């Protein structure tokens, strides 16, 4: 073979090696980008998990508060029911006392009338 052909083959091989080096550099660059993206995603997931954990804690606290409110409402309902029963008894007693007072007032008036007749 002639030197020219050998030089062409050698040049071709050198160009291919250069292209391979460039491709390897590109691949390494892509791998680094992938690692960076993966790291960023992991950081975001960690942030999301932390945020979700905080939200869960807040929801648990709110649930406890709501449970407390429900208990207080149930107690208030029971107290109101008792107060209504007491109020109804007081109204009944008051009505009975008013009737008794009316009866006694009528008797008093009748007795006064009889006393006037006797005089």
C-alpha atoms as a PDB file:
ATOM      1  CA  UNK A   1       0.000   0.000   0.000  1.00  0.00           C
ATOM      2  CA  UNK A   2       1.049   3.453  -0.600  1.00  0.00           C
ATOM      3  CA  UNK A   3       1.834   5.990   2.035  1.00  0.00           C
ATOM      4  CA  UNK A   4      -1.062   8.158   0.927  1.00  0.00           C
ATOM      5  CA  UNK A   5      -3.559   5.393   1.516  1.00  0.00           C
ATOM      6  CA  UNK A   6      -2.023   4.633   4.854  1.00  0.00           C
ATOM      7  CA  UNK A   7      -2.152   8.318   5.778  1.00  0.00           C
ATOM      8  CA  UNK A   8      -5.810   8.475   4.760  1.00  0.00           C
ATOM      9  CA  UNK A   9      -6.602   5.381   6.809  1.00  0.00           C
ATOM     10  CA  UNK A  10      -4.630   6.790   9.740  1.00  0.00           C
ATOM     11  CA  UNK A  11      -6.400  10.130   9.453  1.00  0.00           C
ATOM     12  CA  UNK A  12      -9.743   8.347   9.289  1.00  0.00           C
ATOM     13  CA  UNK A  13      -8.888   6.336  12.385  1.00  0.00           C
ATOM     14  CA  UNK A  14      -7.794   9.463  14.216  1.00  0.00           C
ATOM     15  CA  UNK A  15     -11.029  11.224  13.271  1.00  0.00           C
ATOM     16  CA  UNK A  16     -13.041   8.233  14.492  1.00  0.00           C
ATOM     17  CA  UNK A  17     -11.063   8.220  17.739  1.00  0.00           C
ATOM     18  CA  UNK A  18     -11.720  11.948  18.119  1.00  0.00           C
ATOM     19  CA  UNK A  19     -15.422  11.397  17.492  1.00  0.00           C
ATOM     20  CA  UNK A  20     -15.405   8.573  20.034  1.00  0.00           C
ATOM     21  CA  UNK A  21     -13.755  10.853  22.606  1.00  0.00           C
ATOM     22  CA  UNK A  22     -16.335  13.539  21.907  1.00  0.00           C
ATOM     23  CA  UNK A  23     -19.130  10.983  22.216  1.00  0.00           C
ATOM     24  CA  UNK A  24     -17.676   9.763  25.517  1.00  0.00           C
ATOM     25  CA  UNK A  25     -17.513  13.348  26.764  1.00  0.00           C
ATOM     26  CA  UNK A  26     -21.109  13.895  25.664  1.00  0.00           C
ATOM     27  CA  UNK A  27     -22.132  10.683  27.440  1.00  0.00           C
ATOM     28  CA  UNK A  28     -20.325  11.763  30.597  1.00  0.00           C
ATOM     29  CA  UNK A  29     -21.996  15.150  30.372  1.00  0.00           C
ATOM     30  CA  UNK A  30     -25.391  13.460  29.999  1.00  0.00           C
ATOM     31  CA  UNK A  31     -24.638  11.143  32.917  1.00  0.00           C
ATOM     32  CA  UNK A  32     -23.725  14.151  35.052  1.00  0.00           C
ATOM     33  CA  UNK A  33     -26.911  15.928  33.993  1.00  0.00           C
ATOM     34  CA  UNK A  34     -28.909  12.807  34.869  1.00  0.00           C
ATOM     35  CA  UNK A  35     -27.224  12.665  38.282  1.00  0.00           C
ATOM     36  CA  UNK A  36     -27.965  16.348  38.831  1.00  0.00           C
ATOM     37  CA  UNK A  37     -31.597  15.846  37.830  1.00  0.00           C
ATOM     38  CA  UNK A  38     -31.834  12.792  40.068  1.00  0.00           C
ATOM     39  CA  UNK A  39     -30.352  14.750  42.959  1.00  0.00           C
ATOM     40  CA  UNK A  40     -32.787  17.613  42.380  1.00  0.00           C
ATOM     41  CA  UNK A  41     -35.712  15.182  42.214  1.00  0.00           C
ATOM     42  CA  UNK A  42     -34.585  13.503  45.442  1.00  0.00           C
ATOM     43  CA  UNK A  43     -34.368  16.906  47.114  1.00  0.00           C
ATOM     44  CA  UNK A  44     -37.863  17.763  45.881  1.00  0.00           C
ATOM     45  CA  UNK A  45     -39.223  14.430  47.094  1.00  0.00           C
ATOM     46  CA  UNK A  46     -37.595  14.990  50.477  1.00  0.00           C
ATOM     47  CA  UNK A  47     -39.184  18.440  50.637  1.00  0.00           C
ATOM     48  CA  UNK A  48     -42.551  17.010  49.622  1.00  0.00           C
ATOM     49  CA  UNK A  49     -42.299  14.250  52.224  1.00  0.00           C
ATOM     50  CA  UNK A  50     -41.424  16.776  54.914  1.00  0.00           C
ATOM     51  CA  UNK A  51     -44.291  19.023  53.871  1.00  0.00           C
ATOM     52  CA  UNK A  52     -46.683  16.080  53.770  1.00  0.00           C
ATOM     53  CA  UNK A  53     -45.543  15.004  57.226  1.00  0.00           C
ATOM     54  CA  UNK A  54     -46.203  18.503  58.584  1.00  0.00           C
ATOM     55  CA  UNK A  55     -49.622  18.556  56.949  1.00  0.00           C
ATOM     56  CA  UNK A  56     -50.432  15.154  58.483  1.00  0.00           C
ATOM     57  CA  UNK A  57     -49.451  16.450  61.914  1.00  0.00           C
ATOM     58  CA  UNK A  58     -51.655  19.512  61.473  1.00  0.00           C
ATOM     59  CA  UNK A  59     -54.566  17.345  60.325  1.00  0.00           C
ATOM     60  CA  UNK A  60     -54.114  15.116  63.393  1.00  0.00           C
ATOM     61  CA  UNK A  61     -54.156  18.176  65.661  1.00  0.00           C
ATOM     62  CA  UNK A  62     -57.268  19.453  63.899  1.00  0.00           C
ATOM     63  CA  UNK A  63     -58.925  16.044  64.267  1.00  0.00           C
ATOM     64  CA  UNK A  64     -58.223  16.111  67.988  1.00  0.00           C
ATOM     65  CA  UNK A  65     -59.654  19.613  68.266  1.00  0.00           C
ATOM     66  CA  UNK A  66     -62.732  18.607  66.283  1.00  0.00           C
ATOM     67  CA  UNK A  67     -63.194  15.577  68.542  1.00  0.00           C
ATOM     68  CA  UNK A  68     -63.007  17.920  71.539  1.00  0.00           C
ATOM     69  CA  UNK A  69     -65.580  20.220  69.960  1.00  0.00           C
ATOM     70  CA  UNK A  70     -67.880  17.248  69.277  1.00  0.00           C
ATOM     71  CA  UNK A  71     -67.592  16.142  72.899  1.00  0.00           C
ATOM     72  CA  UNK A  72     -68.343  19.664  74.117  1.00  0.00           C
ATOM     73  CA  UNK A  73     -71.333  19.932  71.773  1.00  0.00           C
ATOM     74  CA  UNK A  74     -72.680  16.605  73.060  1.00  0.00           C
ATOM     75  CA  UNK A  75     -72.237  17.815  76.659  1.00  0.00           C
ATOM     76  CA  UNK A  76     -73.932  21.116  75.815  1.00  0.00           C
ATOM     77  CA  UNK A  77     -76.865  19.278  74.237  1.00  0.00           C
ATOM     78  CA  UNK A  78     -77.251  17.145  77.358  1.00  0.00           C
ATOM     79  CA  UNK A  79     -77.065  20.251  79.573  1.00  0.00           C
ATOM     80  CA  UNK A  80     -79.617  22.093  77.445  1.00  0.00           C
ATOM     81  CA  UNK A  81     -81.945  19.085  77.594  1.00  0.00           C
ATOM     82  CA  UNK A  82     -81.676  19.063  81.394  1.00  0.00           C
ATOM     83  CA  UNK A  83     -82.224  22.819  81.559  1.00  0.00           C
ATOM     84  CA  UNK A  84     -85.343  22.502  79.407  1.00  0.00           C
ATOM     85  CA  UNK A  85     -86.688  19.785  81.697  1.00  0.00           C
ATOM     86  CA  UNK A  86     -86.031  21.959  84.767  1.00  0.00           C
ATOM     87  CA  UNK A  87     -87.619  24.935  83.053  1.00  0.00           C
ATOM     88  CA  UNK A  88     -90.723  22.899  82.196  1.00  0.00           C
ATOM     89  CA  UNK A  89     -90.992  21.739  85.826  1.00  0.00           C
ATOM     90  CA  UNK A  90     -90.630  25.321  87.036  1.00  0.00           C
ATOM     91  CA  UNK A  91     -93.349  26.477  84.644  1.00  0.00           C
ATOM     92  CA  UNK A  92     -95.629  23.693  85.917  1.00  0.00           C
ATOM     93  CA  UNK A  93     -94.881  24.609  89.550  1.00  0.00           C
ATOM     94  CA  UNK A  94     -95.443  28.294  88.815  1.00  0.00           C
ATOM     95  CA  UNK A  95     -98.790  27.546  87.158  1.00  0.00           C
ATOM     96  CA  UNK A  96     -99.792  25.416  90.151  1.00  0.00           C
ATOM     97  CA  UNK A  97     -98.764  28.197  92.550  1.00  0.00           C
ATOM     98  CA  UNK A  98    -100.738  30.756  90.534  1.00  0.00           C
ATOM     99  CA  UNK A  99    -103.818  28.535  90.717  1.00  0.00           C
ATOM    100  CA  UNK A 100    -103.312  28.144  94.486  1.00  0.00           C
ATOM    101  CA  UNK A 101    -102.916  31.906  94.900  1.00  0.00           C
ATOM    102  CA  UNK A 102    -106.092  32.484  92.846  1.00  0.00           C
ATOM    103  CA  UNK A 103    -107.962  29.971  95.010  1.00  0.00           C
ATOM    104  CA  UNK A 104    -106.711  31.547  98.225  1.00  0.00           C
ATOM    105  CA  UNK A 105    -107.548  35.018  96.926  1.00  0.00           C
ATOM    106  CA  UNK A 106    -111.081  33.896  96.087  1.00  0.00           C
ATOM    107  CA  UNK A 107    -111.474  32.360  99.547  1.00  0.00           C
ATOM    108  CA  UNK A 108    -110.195  35.525 101.129  1.00  0.00           C
ATOM    109  CA  UNK A 109    -112.669  37.593  99.130  1.00  0.00           C
ATOM    110  CA  UNK A 110    -115.470  35.170 100.028  1.00  0.00           C
ATOM    111  CA  UNK A 111    -114.539  35.318 103.726  1.00  0.00           C
ATOM    112  CA  UNK A 112    -114.477  39.118 103.647  1.00  0.00           C
ATOM    113  CA  UNK A 113    -117.888  39.120 102.017  1.00  0.00           C
ATOM    114  CA  UNK A 114    -119.229  36.787 104.703  1.00  0.00           C
ATOM    115  CA  UNK A 115    -117.688  38.939 107.402  1.00  0.00           C
ATOM    116  CA  UNK A 116    -119.457  41.997 105.972  1.00  0.00           C
ATOM    117  CA  UNK A 117    -122.712  40.114 105.981  1.00  0.00           C
ATOM    118  CA  UNK A 118    -122.212  39.129 109.579  1.00  0.00           C
ATOM    119  CA  UNK A 119    -121.569  42.725 110.674  1.00  0.00           C
END
